[in-house]
């Protein structure tokens, strides 16, 4: 299973470098996005005066599903907090959700690095 953070989804929606990699993964195996990252994606599209209904329809056309944030995700995200780590709450929820689902987490945020769990789109 693949899980996308908002930076990867925004890159795809904006046609940025790495958008083709996101689409390749979206077409492949089942993909999810945490509800927190879905909200962050919508907020950033709307902030840029974008057309969220069209962006939402495009993402959902790939069978991307939105995964609820559980209490366990919230607590695991809290445990991931470190001063000056550069990880926002949405970032930590994405990582926690990825662990719970045993999913590969896709991001455009270089601060996350790369591991068995985290893959960079660029």
Protein backbone atom coordinates (compact mmCIF):
# COMPACT_ATOMS: atom_id res chain seq x y z
CA UNK A 1 0.00 0.00 0.00
CA UNK A 2 1.14 3.56 -0.71
CA UNK A 3 0.36 6.59 1.43
CA UNK A 4 0.86 10.15 0.18
CA UNK A 5 1.62 13.22 2.22
CA UNK A 6 0.34 16.60 1.10
CA UNK A 7 3.65 17.71 -0.45
CA UNK A 8 3.50 14.81 -2.91
CA UNK A 9 -0.15 15.42 -3.76
CA UNK A 10 0.46 19.14 -4.25
CA UNK A 11 3.43 18.43 -6.49
CA UNK A 12 1.18 16.20 -8.60
CA UNK A 13 -1.65 18.75 -8.75
CA UNK A 14 0.73 21.56 -9.69
CA UNK A 15 2.61 19.50 -12.27
CA UNK A 16 5.92 19.99 -10.47
CA UNK A 17 9.08 17.95 -10.75
CA UNK A 18 8.15 14.48 -9.48
CA UNK A 19 4.48 14.70 -10.53
CA UNK A 20 4.99 11.88 -13.00
CA UNK A 21 6.32 9.64 -10.20
CA UNK A 22 3.23 10.38 -8.08
CA UNK A 23 0.95 9.51 -10.99
CA UNK A 24 2.87 6.30 -11.63
CA UNK A 25 2.33 5.22 -8.03
CA UNK A 26 -1.34 6.35 -8.04
CA UNK A 27 -2.02 4.18 -11.08
CA UNK A 28 -0.29 1.18 -9.50
CA UNK A 29 -1.19 -0.24 -6.11
CA UNK A 30 -3.95 1.08 -3.82
CA UNK A 31 -3.15 4.52 -2.45
CA UNK A 32 -4.32 6.44 0.60
CA UNK A 33 -3.88 9.81 2.23
CA UNK A 34 -4.51 10.54 5.89
CA UNK A 35 -7.43 12.85 6.63
CA UNK A 36 -4.94 15.36 8.12
CA UNK A 37 -2.92 15.44 4.89
CA UNK A 38 -6.10 15.61 2.81
CA UNK A 39 -7.12 18.71 4.76
CA UNK A 40 -3.66 20.23 4.35
CA UNK A 41 -3.76 19.59 0.60
CA UNK A 42 -7.22 21.20 0.29
CA UNK A 43 -6.15 24.19 2.39
CA UNK A 44 -3.06 24.84 0.28
CA UNK A 45 -4.97 24.52 -3.01
CA UNK A 46 -7.60 26.95 -1.70
CA UNK A 47 -4.92 29.34 -0.38
CA UNK A 48 -3.48 29.57 -3.87
CA UNK A 49 -6.98 30.41 -5.21
CA UNK A 50 -7.08 27.00 -6.78
CA UNK A 51 -10.09 24.99 -7.79
CA UNK A 52 -10.38 22.46 -4.97
CA UNK A 53 -13.45 20.67 -6.40
CA UNK A 54 -11.52 19.91 -9.61
CA UNK A 55 -8.37 18.95 -7.69
CA UNK A 56 -10.40 16.68 -5.42
CA UNK A 57 -12.11 15.03 -8.39
CA UNK A 58 -8.76 14.43 -10.09
CA UNK A 59 -7.24 12.79 -7.01
CA UNK A 60 -10.29 10.66 -6.37
CA UNK A 61 -10.35 9.55 -10.02
CA UNK A 62 -7.21 7.54 -9.18
CA UNK A 63 -9.12 5.66 -6.48
CA UNK A 64 -7.13 7.47 -3.78
CA UNK A 65 -8.89 6.93 -0.46
CA UNK A 66 -8.80 9.12 2.61
CA UNK A 67 -7.82 7.27 5.77
CA UNK A 68 -9.29 8.51 9.07
CA UNK A 69 -6.85 9.56 11.77
CA UNK A 70 -7.22 7.22 14.73
CA UNK A 71 -6.49 7.82 18.37
CA UNK A 72 -3.48 5.53 17.99
CA UNK A 73 -2.23 7.62 15.03
CA UNK A 74 -2.61 10.79 17.09
CA UNK A 75 -0.69 9.33 20.02
CA UNK A 76 2.05 7.92 17.78
CA UNK A 77 2.35 11.32 16.07
CA UNK A 78 2.74 12.98 19.45
CA UNK A 79 5.52 10.53 20.33
CA UNK A 80 7.35 11.45 17.10
CA UNK A 81 7.58 15.12 18.10
CA UNK A 82 11.11 16.44 18.55
CA UNK A 83 12.15 20.05 19.02
CA UNK A 84 13.46 21.54 15.76
CA UNK A 85 12.78 18.32 13.82
CA UNK A 86 11.03 20.19 11.03
CA UNK A 87 8.11 17.74 11.13
CA UNK A 88 4.69 19.36 11.33
CA UNK A 89 1.74 17.71 13.02
CA UNK A 90 0.41 16.62 9.60
CA UNK A 91 3.85 15.16 8.77
CA UNK A 92 3.90 13.17 11.98
CA UNK A 93 0.33 11.95 11.50
CA UNK A 94 1.26 10.83 7.99
CA UNK A 95 4.24 8.87 9.31
CA UNK A 96 2.18 7.34 12.12
CA UNK A 97 -0.60 6.36 9.71
CA UNK A 98 1.99 4.84 7.40
CA UNK A 99 3.33 2.71 10.22
CA UNK A 100 -0.14 1.55 11.21
CA UNK A 101 -1.01 0.58 7.64
CA UNK A 102 2.46 -0.83 6.90
CA UNK A 103 2.44 1.50 3.89
CA UNK A 104 5.20 3.13 1.90
CA UNK A 105 4.95 6.88 2.55
CA UNK A 106 5.59 9.15 -0.45
CA UNK A 107 6.72 12.73 0.09
CA UNK A 108 8.42 15.66 -1.63
CA UNK A 109 9.78 16.86 1.73
CA UNK A 110 13.52 16.17 1.71
CA UNK A 111 13.69 16.66 5.50
CA UNK A 112 12.02 13.25 5.87
CA UNK A 113 14.94 11.48 4.22
CA UNK A 114 14.42 8.07 2.65
CA UNK A 115 14.07 4.63 4.22
CA UNK A 116 12.08 1.42 3.86
CA UNK A 117 9.04 3.40 5.02
CA UNK A 118 9.68 6.76 3.30
CA UNK A 119 10.23 7.38 -0.42
CA UNK A 120 11.02 10.66 -2.09
CA UNK A 121 9.09 11.49 -5.27
CA UNK A 122 12.05 13.39 -6.72
